[in-house]
Amino acid sequence: MRADIFTPSPEEETLVAKICTFIAQHLRVDLDSISIDSHFRDDLGLDLLDTVELTILIEKEFVNREVADASEEIEFVGDLIHHIEAHQPG
């Protein structure tokens, strides 16, 4: 999924803010440097393993479990937010 086609709805804005804040705190970077268009490798300096580990941490925080299909392509923060939203209960 390309992050530039993911536009959060008003209901999703809170989730976006929470996940961006979580990422900024985990990476110890300024929140202003995180957006749905941030690329994990190019913008945030994460390799594939770091991205997978961050995805698992966020799944545990926001979905309360690891999602079996976490191997899907997650390159942008927007991809991760979409992934989390798709796996939230109810």
PDB file of N, CA and C in Angstrom:
ATOM      1  N   MET A   1       0.843  -1.185   0.000  1.00  0.00           N
ATOM      2  CA  MET A   1       0.000   0.000   0.000  1.00  0.00           C
ATOM      3  C   MET A   1       0.877   1.232   0.000  1.00  0.00           C
ATOM      4  N   ARG A   2       0.530   2.189  -0.791  1.00  0.00           N
ATOM      5  CA  ARG A   2       1.264   3.444  -0.836  1.00  0.00           C
ATOM      6  C   ARG A   2       0.669   4.390   0.191  1.00  0.00           C
ATOM      7  N   ALA A   3       1.528   5.008   0.982  1.00  0.00           N
ATOM      8  CA  ALA A   3       1.056   5.897   2.042  1.00  0.00           C
ATOM      9  C   ALA A   3       0.318   7.102   1.477  1.00  0.00           C
ATOM     10  N   ASP A   4       0.679   7.553   0.265  1.00  0.00           N
ATOM     11  CA  ASP A   4       0.062   8.758  -0.255  1.00  0.00           C
ATOM     12  C   ASP A   4      -1.403   8.554  -0.659  1.00  0.00           C
ATOM     13  N   ILE A   5      -1.886   7.297  -0.704  1.00  0.00           N
ATOM     14  CA  ILE A   5      -3.301   7.083  -0.986  1.00  0.00           C
ATOM     15  C   ILE A   5      -4.094   6.806   0.286  1.00  0.00           C
ATOM     16  N   PHE A   6      -3.411   6.786   1.425  1.00  0.00           N
ATOM     17  CA  PHE A   6      -4.085   6.584   2.702  1.00  0.00           C
ATOM     18  C   PHE A   6      -4.367   7.935   3.325  1.00  0.00           C
ATOM     19  N   THR A   7      -5.625   8.303   3.398  1.00  0.00           N
ATOM     20  CA  THR A   7      -6.029   9.543   4.045  1.00  0.00           C
ATOM     21  C   THR A   7      -6.964   9.175   5.181  1.00  0.00           C
ATOM     22  N   PRO A   8      -6.535   9.435   6.417  1.00  0.00           N
ATOM     23  CA  PRO A   8      -7.362   9.027   7.549  1.00  0.00           C
ATOM     24  C   PRO A   8      -8.670   9.802   7.629  1.00  0.00           C
ATOM     25  N   SER A   9      -9.726   9.094   7.999  1.00  0.00           N
ATOM     26  CA  SER A   9     -11.014   9.737   8.227  1.00  0.00           C
ATOM     27  C   SER A   9     -10.943  10.451   9.573  1.00  0.00           C
ATOM     28  N   PRO A  10     -11.915  11.308   9.849  1.00  0.00           N
ATOM     29  CA  PRO A  10     -11.898  11.992  11.152  1.00  0.00           C
ATOM     30  C   PRO A  10     -11.868  11.019  12.329  1.00  0.00           C
ATOM     31  N   GLU A  11     -12.537   9.870  12.186  1.00  0.00           N
ATOM     32  CA  GLU A  11     -12.547   8.886  13.270  1.00  0.00           C
ATOM     33  C   GLU A  11     -11.160   8.261  13.473  1.00  0.00           C
ATOM     34  N   GLU A  12     -10.386   8.207  12.400  1.00  0.00           N
ATOM     35  CA  GLU A  12      -9.062   7.594  12.468  1.00  0.00           C
ATOM     36  C   GLU A  12      -7.983   8.547  12.976  1.00  0.00           C
ATOM     37  N   GLU A  13      -8.270   9.836  13.001  1.00  0.00           N
ATOM     38  CA  GLU A  13      -7.270  10.832  13.389  1.00  0.00           C
ATOM     39  C   GLU A  13      -6.672  10.549  14.774  1.00  0.00           C
ATOM     40  N   THR A  14      -7.491  10.113  15.718  1.00  0.00           N
ATOM     41  CA  THR A  14      -6.983   9.815  17.052  1.00  0.00           C
ATOM     42  C   THR A  14      -6.017   8.648  17.001  1.00  0.00           C
ATOM     43  N   LEU A  15      -6.349   7.607  16.249  1.00  0.00           N
ATOM     44  CA  LEU A  15      -5.454   6.467  16.102  1.00  0.00           C
ATOM     45  C   LEU A  15      -4.150   6.891  15.434  1.00  0.00           C
ATOM     46  N   VAL A  16      -4.251   7.718  14.409  1.00  0.00           N
ATOM     47  CA  VAL A  16      -3.052   8.215  13.722  1.00  0.00           C
ATOM     48  C   VAL A  16      -2.156   8.953  14.710  1.00  0.00           C
ATOM     49  N   ALA A  17      -2.728   9.847  15.487  1.00  0.00           N
ATOM     50  CA  ALA A  17      -1.957  10.615  16.460  1.00  0.00           C
ATOM     51  C   ALA A  17      -1.304   9.706  17.498  1.00  0.00           C
ATOM     52  N   LYS A  18      -2.048   8.720  17.980  1.00  0.00           N
ATOM     53  CA  LYS A  18      -1.501   7.805  18.987  1.00  0.00           C
ATOM     54  C   LYS A  18      -0.347   6.973  18.423  1.00  0.00           C
ATOM     55  N   ILE A  19      -0.512   6.468  17.212  1.00  0.00           N
ATOM     56  CA  ILE A  19       0.547   5.651  16.625  1.00  0.00           C
ATOM     57  C   ILE A  19       1.765   6.498  16.289  1.00  0.00           C
ATOM     58  N   CYS A  20       1.567   7.681  15.744  1.00  0.00           N
ATOM     59  CA  CYS A  20       2.701   8.561  15.456  1.00  0.00           C
ATOM     60  C   CYS A  20       3.445   8.939  16.732  1.00  0.00           C
ATOM     61  N   THR A  21       2.716   9.205  17.795  1.00  0.00           N
ATOM     62  CA  THR A  21       3.338   9.505  19.084  1.00  0.00           C
ATOM     63  C   THR A  21       4.108   8.300  19.602  1.00  0.00           C
ATOM     64  N   PHE A  22       3.538   7.115  19.495  1.00  0.00           N
ATOM     65  CA  PHE A  22       4.208   5.883  19.922  1.00  0.00           C
ATOM     66  C   PHE A  22       5.516   5.709  19.151  1.00  0.00           C
ATOM     67  N   ILE A  23       5.469   5.885  17.836  1.00  0.00           N
ATOM     68  CA  ILE A  23       6.670   5.735  17.012  1.00  0.00           C
ATOM     69  C   ILE A  23       7.723   6.759  17.414  1.00  0.00           C
ATOM     70  N   ALA A  24       7.322   8.011  17.570  1.00  0.00           N
ATOM     71  CA  ALA A  24       8.268   9.068  17.942  1.00  0.00           C
ATOM     72  C   ALA A  24       8.929   8.772  19.284  1.00  0.00           C
ATOM     73  N   GLN A  25       8.150   8.323  20.255  1.00  0.00           N
ATOM     74  CA  GLN A  25       8.717   7.992  21.554  1.00  0.00           C
ATOM     75  C   GLN A  25       9.635   6.788  21.476  1.00  0.00           C
ATOM     76  N   HIS A  26       9.242   5.775  20.723  1.00  0.00           N
ATOM     77  CA  HIS A  26      10.055   4.562  20.593  1.00  0.00           C
ATOM     78  C   HIS A  26      11.389   4.866  19.905  1.00  0.00           C
ATOM     79  N   LEU A  27      11.340   5.706  18.879  1.00  0.00           N
ATOM     80  CA  LEU A  27      12.552   6.024  18.131  1.00  0.00           C
ATOM     81  C   LEU A  27      13.324   7.205  18.725  1.00  0.00           C
ATOM     82  N   ARG A  28      12.716   7.823  19.734  1.00  0.00           N
ATOM     83  CA  ARG A  28      13.310   9.005  20.376  1.00  0.00           C
ATOM     84  C   ARG A  28      13.604  10.107  19.365  1.00  0.00           C
ATOM     85  N   VAL A  29      12.562  10.414  18.585  1.00  0.00           N
ATOM     86  CA  VAL A  29      12.646  11.492  17.610  1.00  0.00           C
ATOM     87  C   VAL A  29      11.504  12.464  17.857  1.00  0.00           C
ATOM     88  N   ASP A  30      11.620  13.640  17.269  1.00  0.00           N
ATOM     89  CA  ASP A  30      10.598  14.661  17.396  1.00  0.00           C
ATOM     90  C   ASP A  30       9.319  14.208  16.693  1.00  0.00           C
ATOM     91  N   LEU A  31       8.196  14.376  17.343  1.00  0.00           N
ATOM     92  CA  LEU A  31       6.910  13.979  16.778  1.00  0.00           C
ATOM     93  C   LEU A  31       6.673  14.634  15.420  1.00  0.00           C
ATOM     94  N   ASP A  32       7.168  15.845  15.241  1.00  0.00           N
ATOM     95  CA  ASP A  32       6.984  16.552  13.973  1.00  0.00           C
ATOM     96  C   ASP A  32       7.680  15.854  12.807  1.00  0.00           C
ATOM     97  N   SER A  33       8.608  14.941  13.102  1.00  0.00           N
ATOM     98  CA  SER A  33       9.315  14.237  12.030  1.00  0.00           C
ATOM     99  C   SER A  33       8.574  12.979  11.579  1.00  0.00           C
ATOM    100  N   ILE A  34       7.430  12.688  12.213  1.00  0.00           N
ATOM    101  CA  ILE A  34       6.638  11.506  11.883  1.00  0.00           C
ATOM    102  C   ILE A  34       5.335  11.937  11.224  1.00  0.00           C
ATOM    103  N   SER A  35       5.054  11.367  10.053  1.00  0.00           N
ATOM    104  CA  SER A  35       3.769  11.604   9.394  1.00  0.00           C
ATOM    105  C   SER A  35       3.356  10.311   8.697  1.00  0.00           C
ATOM    106  N   ILE A  36       2.150  10.274   8.169  1.00  0.00           N
ATOM    107  CA  ILE A  36       1.706   9.071   7.478  1.00  0.00           C
ATOM    108  C   ILE A  36       2.541   8.823   6.227  1.00  0.00           C
ATOM    109  N   ASP A  37       3.220   9.841   5.750  1.00  0.00           N
ATOM    110  CA  ASP A  37       4.055   9.713   4.559  1.00  0.00           C
ATOM    111  C   ASP A  37       5.508   9.361   4.882  1.00  0.00           C
ATOM    112  N   SER A  38       5.854   9.218   6.162  1.00  0.00           N
ATOM    113  CA  SER A  38       7.232   8.872   6.540  1.00  0.00           C
ATOM    114  C   SER A  38       7.546   7.442   6.123  1.00  0.00           C
ATOM    115  N   HIS A  39       8.643   7.278   5.414  1.00  0.00           N
ATOM    116  CA  HIS A  39       9.105   5.958   4.988  1.00  0.00           C
ATOM    117  C   HIS A  39      10.031   5.428   6.083  1.00  0.00           C
ATOM    118  N   PHE A  40       9.774   4.194   6.529  1.00  0.00           N
ATOM    119  CA  PHE A  40      10.549   3.653   7.650  1.00  0.00           C
ATOM    120  C   PHE A  40      12.046   3.609   7.353  1.00  0.00           C
ATOM    121  N   ARG A  41      12.433   3.201   6.155  1.00  0.00           N
ATOM    122  CA  ARG A  41      13.861   3.114   5.836  1.00  0.00           C
ATOM    123  C   ARG A  41      14.424   4.481   5.446  1.00  0.00           C
ATOM    124  N   ASP A  42      13.817   5.128   4.463  1.00  0.00           N
ATOM    125  CA  ASP A  42      14.381   6.348   3.903  1.00  0.00           C
ATOM    126  C   ASP A  42      14.283   7.549   4.840  1.00  0.00           C
ATOM    127  N   ASP A  43      13.174   7.679   5.545  1.00  0.00           N
ATOM    128  CA  ASP A  43      12.976   8.853   6.400  1.00  0.00           C
ATOM    129  C   ASP A  43      13.360   8.618   7.856  1.00  0.00           C
ATOM    130  N   LEU A  44      13.144   7.397   8.344  1.00  0.00           N
ATOM    131  CA  LEU A  44      13.351   7.123   9.766  1.00  0.00           C
ATOM    132  C   LEU A  44      14.576   6.246  10.035  1.00  0.00           C
ATOM    133  N   GLY A  45      15.216   5.745   8.990  1.00  0.00           N
ATOM    134  CA  GLY A  45      16.456   4.995   9.147  1.00  0.00           C
ATOM    135  C   GLY A  45      16.308   3.584   9.688  1.00  0.00           C
ATOM    136  N   LEU A  46      15.108   3.017   9.577  1.00  0.00           N
ATOM    137  CA  LEU A  46      14.885   1.659  10.076  1.00  0.00           C
ATOM    138  C   LEU A  46      15.136   0.639   8.980  1.00  0.00           C
ATOM    139  N   ASP A  47      15.777  -0.468   9.337  1.00  0.00           N
ATOM    140  CA  ASP A  47      15.902  -1.554   8.375  1.00  0.00           C
ATOM    141  C   ASP A  47      14.668  -2.442   8.490  1.00  0.00           C
ATOM    142  N   LEU A  48      14.621  -3.503   7.694  1.00  0.00           N
ATOM    143  CA  LEU A  48      13.443  -4.372   7.674  1.00  0.00           C
ATOM    144  C   LEU A  48      13.166  -4.990   9.039  1.00  0.00           C
ATOM    145  N   LEU A  49      14.187  -5.467   9.716  1.00  0.00           N
ATOM    146  CA  LEU A  49      13.998  -6.081  11.030  1.00  0.00           C
ATOM    147  C   LEU A  49      13.466  -5.074  12.036  1.00  0.00           C
ATOM    148  N   ASP A  50      14.022  -3.866  12.035  1.00  0.00           N
ATOM    149  CA  ASP A  50      13.532  -2.818  12.939  1.00  0.00           C
ATOM    150  C   ASP A  50      12.062  -2.505  12.663  1.00  0.00           C
ATOM    151  N   THR A  51      11.688  -2.466  11.385  1.00  0.00           N
ATOM    152  CA  THR A  51      10.305  -2.173  11.017  1.00  0.00           C
ATOM    153  C   THR A  51       9.373  -3.277  11.494  1.00  0.00           C
ATOM    154  N   VAL A  52       9.784  -4.529  11.333  1.00  0.00           N
ATOM    155  CA  VAL A  52       8.969  -5.656  11.804  1.00  0.00           C
ATOM    156  C   VAL A  52       8.823  -5.613  13.325  1.00  0.00           C
ATOM    157  N   GLU A  53       9.910  -5.354  14.023  1.00  0.00           N
ATOM    158  CA  GLU A  53       9.850  -5.275  15.495  1.00  0.00           C
ATOM    159  C   GLU A  53       8.927  -4.148  15.939  1.00  0.00           C
ATOM    160  N   LEU A  54       9.020  -2.989  15.293  1.00  0.00           N
ATOM    161  CA  LEU A  54       8.142  -1.867  15.640  1.00  0.00           C
ATOM    162  C   LEU A  54       6.688  -2.222  15.354  1.00  0.00           C
ATOM    163  N   THR A  55       6.442  -2.892  14.231  1.00  0.00           N
ATOM    164  CA  THR A  55       5.087  -3.323  13.889  1.00  0.00           C
ATOM    165  C   THR A  55       4.516  -4.237  14.973  1.00  0.00           C
ATOM    166  N   ILE A  56       5.312  -5.176  15.444  1.00  0.00           N
ATOM    167  CA  ILE A  56       4.862  -6.093  16.491  1.00  0.00           C
ATOM    168  C   ILE A  56       4.560  -5.341  17.782  1.00  0.00           C
ATOM    169  N   LEU A  57       5.413  -4.405  18.160  1.00  0.00           N
ATOM    170  CA  LEU A  57       5.158  -3.605  19.365  1.00  0.00           C
ATOM    171  C   LEU A  57       3.844  -2.833  19.247  1.00  0.00           C
ATOM    172  N   ILE A  58       3.622  -2.246  18.093  1.00  0.00           N
ATOM    173  CA  ILE A  58       2.405  -1.462  17.899  1.00  0.00           C
ATOM    174  C   ILE A  58       1.179  -2.365  17.846  1.00  0.00           C
ATOM    175  N   GLU A  59       1.308  -3.538  17.245  1.00  0.00           N
ATOM    176  CA  GLU A  59       0.194  -4.491  17.253  1.00  0.00           C
ATOM    177  C   GLU A  59      -0.179  -4.851  18.685  1.00  0.00           C
ATOM    178  N   LYS A  60       0.807  -5.138  19.505  1.00  0.00           N
ATOM    179  CA  LYS A  60       0.531  -5.502  20.902  1.00  0.00           C
ATOM    180  C   LYS A  60      -0.123  -4.348  21.659  1.00  0.00           C
ATOM    181  N   GLU A  61       0.276  -3.124  21.348  1.00  0.00           N
ATOM    182  CA  GLU A  61      -0.258  -1.946  22.036  1.00  0.00           C
ATOM    183  C   GLU A  61      -1.678  -1.595  21.578  1.00  0.00           C
ATOM    184  N   PHE A  62      -1.927  -1.665  20.282  1.00  0.00           N
ATOM    185  CA  PHE A  62      -3.181  -1.171  19.737  1.00  0.00           C
ATOM    186  C   PHE A  62      -4.167  -2.257  19.316  1.00  0.00           C
ATOM    187  N   VAL A  63      -3.710  -3.503  19.118  1.00  0.00           N
ATOM    188  CA  VAL A  63      -4.601  -4.592  18.738  1.00  0.00           C
ATOM    189  C   VAL A  63      -4.626  -5.650  19.840  1.00  0.00           C
ATOM    190  N   ASN A  64      -3.708  -5.559  20.765  1.00  0.00           N
ATOM    191  CA  ASN A  64      -3.577  -6.471  21.902  1.00  0.00           C
ATOM    192  C   ASN A  64      -3.172  -7.884  21.504  1.00  0.00           C
ATOM    193  N   ARG A  65      -2.583  -8.020  20.336  1.00  0.00           N
ATOM    194  CA  ARG A  65      -2.058  -9.310  19.893  1.00  0.00           C
ATOM    195  C   ARG A  65      -1.198  -9.072  18.660  1.00  0.00           C
ATOM    196  N   GLU A  66      -0.375 -10.072  18.346  1.00  0.00           N
ATOM    197  CA  GLU A  66       0.365 -10.026  17.099  1.00  0.00           C
ATOM    198  C   GLU A  66      -0.542 -10.546  15.995  1.00  0.00           C
ATOM    199  N   VAL A  67      -0.468  -9.941  14.857  1.00  0.00           N
ATOM    200  CA  VAL A  67      -1.289 -10.335  13.725  1.00  0.00           C
ATOM    201  C   VAL A  67      -0.456 -11.250  12.834  1.00  0.00           C
ATOM    202  N   ALA A  68      -1.016 -12.394  12.489  1.00  0.00           N
ATOM    203  CA  ALA A  68      -0.269 -13.414  11.748  1.00  0.00           C
ATOM    204  C   ALA A  68       0.237 -12.927  10.399  1.00  0.00           C
ATOM    205  N   ASP A  69      -0.470 -12.018   9.757  1.00  0.00           N
ATOM    206  CA  ASP A  69      -0.055 -11.578   8.427  1.00  0.00           C
ATOM    207  C   ASP A  69       0.767 -10.295   8.462  1.00  0.00           C
ATOM    208  N   ALA A  70       1.523 -10.113   9.515  1.00  0.00           N
ATOM    209  CA  ALA A  70       2.346  -8.907   9.652  1.00  0.00           C
ATOM    210  C   ALA A  70       3.463  -8.839   8.629  1.00  0.00           C
ATOM    211  N   SER A  71       3.627  -9.892   7.852  1.00  0.00           N
ATOM    212  CA  SER A  71       4.675  -9.892   6.844  1.00  0.00           C
ATOM    213  C   SER A  71       4.292  -9.087   5.606  1.00  0.00           C
ATOM    214  N   GLU A  72       3.065  -8.576   5.575  1.00  0.00           N
ATOM    215  CA  GLU A  72       2.661  -7.763   4.432  1.00  0.00           C
ATOM    216  C   GLU A  72       3.580  -6.544   4.328  1.00  0.00           C
ATOM    217  N   GLU A  73       3.638  -5.971   3.172  1.00  0.00           N
ATOM    218  CA  GLU A  73       4.533  -4.847   2.938  1.00  0.00           C
ATOM    219  C   GLU A  73       4.126  -3.625   3.770  1.00  0.00           C
ATOM    220  N   ILE A  74       4.966  -3.280   4.682  1.00  0.00           N
ATOM    221  CA  ILE A  74       4.768  -2.064   5.470  1.00  0.00           C
ATOM    222  C   ILE A  74       6.025  -1.231   5.277  1.00  0.00           C
ATOM    223  N   GLU A  75       5.902  -0.191   4.475  1.00  0.00           N
ATOM    224  CA  GLU A  75       7.040   0.667   4.183  1.00  0.00           C
ATOM    225  C   GLU A  75       6.880   2.058   4.770  1.00  0.00           C
ATOM    226  N   PHE A  76       5.637   2.506   4.863  1.00  0.00           N
ATOM    227  CA  PHE A  76       5.338   3.859   5.331  1.00  0.00           C
ATOM    228  C   PHE A  76       4.556   3.793   6.637  1.00  0.00           C
ATOM    229  N   VAL A  77       4.610   4.866   7.397  1.00  0.00           N
ATOM    230  CA  VAL A  77       3.813   4.950   8.625  1.00  0.00           C
ATOM    231  C   VAL A  77       2.336   4.767   8.287  1.00  0.00           C
ATOM    232  N   GLY A  78       1.879   5.319   7.184  1.00  0.00           N
ATOM    233  CA  GLY A  78       0.489   5.159   6.763  1.00  0.00           C
ATOM    234  C   GLY A  78       0.117   3.704   6.513  1.00  0.00           C
ATOM    235  N   ASP A  79       1.056   2.935   5.973  1.00  0.00           N
ATOM    236  CA  ASP A  79       0.820   1.504   5.777  1.00  0.00           C
ATOM    237  C   ASP A  79       0.583   0.818   7.114  1.00  0.00           C
ATOM    238  N   LEU A  80       1.399   1.165   8.095  1.00  0.00           N
ATOM    239  CA  LEU A  80       1.282   0.553   9.428  1.00  0.00           C
ATOM    240  C   LEU A  80      -0.041   0.935  10.077  1.00  0.00           C
ATOM    241  N   ILE A  81      -0.431   2.188   9.950  1.00  0.00           N
ATOM    242  CA  ILE A  81      -1.704   2.634  10.526  1.00  0.00           C
ATOM    243  C   ILE A  81      -2.862   1.885   9.865  1.00  0.00           C
ATOM    244  N   HIS A  82      -2.820   1.751   8.551  1.00  0.00           N
ATOM    245  CA  HIS A  82      -3.861   1.013   7.845  1.00  0.00           C
ATOM    246  C   HIS A  82      -3.890  -0.442   8.311  1.00  0.00           C
ATOM    247  N   HIS A  83      -2.727  -1.048   8.469  1.00  0.00           N
ATOM    248  CA  HIS A  83      -2.610  -2.436   8.942  1.00  0.00           C
ATOM    249  C   HIS A  83      -3.252  -2.587  10.333  1.00  0.00           C
ATOM    250  N   ILE A  84      -2.941  -1.666  11.231  1.00  0.00           N
ATOM    251  CA  ILE A  84      -3.482  -1.732  12.597  1.00  0.00           C
ATOM    252  C   ILE A  84      -4.994  -1.552  12.567  1.00  0.00           C
ATOM    253  N   GLU A  85      -5.463  -0.575  11.807  1.00  0.00           N
ATOM    254  CA  GLU A  85      -6.900  -0.330  11.754  1.00  0.00           C
ATOM    255  C   GLU A  85      -7.656  -1.545  11.198  1.00  0.00           C
ATOM    256  N   ALA A  86      -7.068  -2.210  10.227  1.00  0.00           N
ATOM    257  CA  ALA A  86      -7.715  -3.367   9.608  1.00  0.00           C
ATOM    258  C   ALA A  86      -7.808  -4.548  10.576  1.00  0.00           C
ATOM    259  N   HIS A  87      -6.991  -4.553  11.604  1.00  0.00           N
ATOM    260  CA  HIS A  87      -6.974  -5.689  12.541  1.00  0.00           C
ATOM    261  C   HIS A  87      -7.519  -5.353  13.925  1.00  0.00           C
ATOM    262  N   GLN A  88      -8.066  -4.148  14.086  1.00  0.00           N
ATOM    263  CA  GLN A  88      -8.658  -3.827  15.376  1.00  0.00           C
ATOM    264  C   GLN A  88     -10.004  -4.526  15.515  1.00  0.00           C
ATOM    265  N   PRO A  89     -10.299  -4.998  16.710  1.00  0.00           N
ATOM    266  CA  PRO A  89     -11.575  -5.670  16.919  1.00  0.00           C
ATOM    267  C   PRO A  89     -12.759  -4.718  16.760  1.00  0.00           C
ATOM    268  N   GLY A  90     -13.859  -5.274  16.289  1.00  0.00           N
ATOM    269  CA  GLY A  90     -15.124  -4.592  16.199  1.00  0.00           C
ATOM    270  C   GLY A  90     -15.114  -3.389  15.389  1.00  0.00           C
TER     271      GLY A  90
END
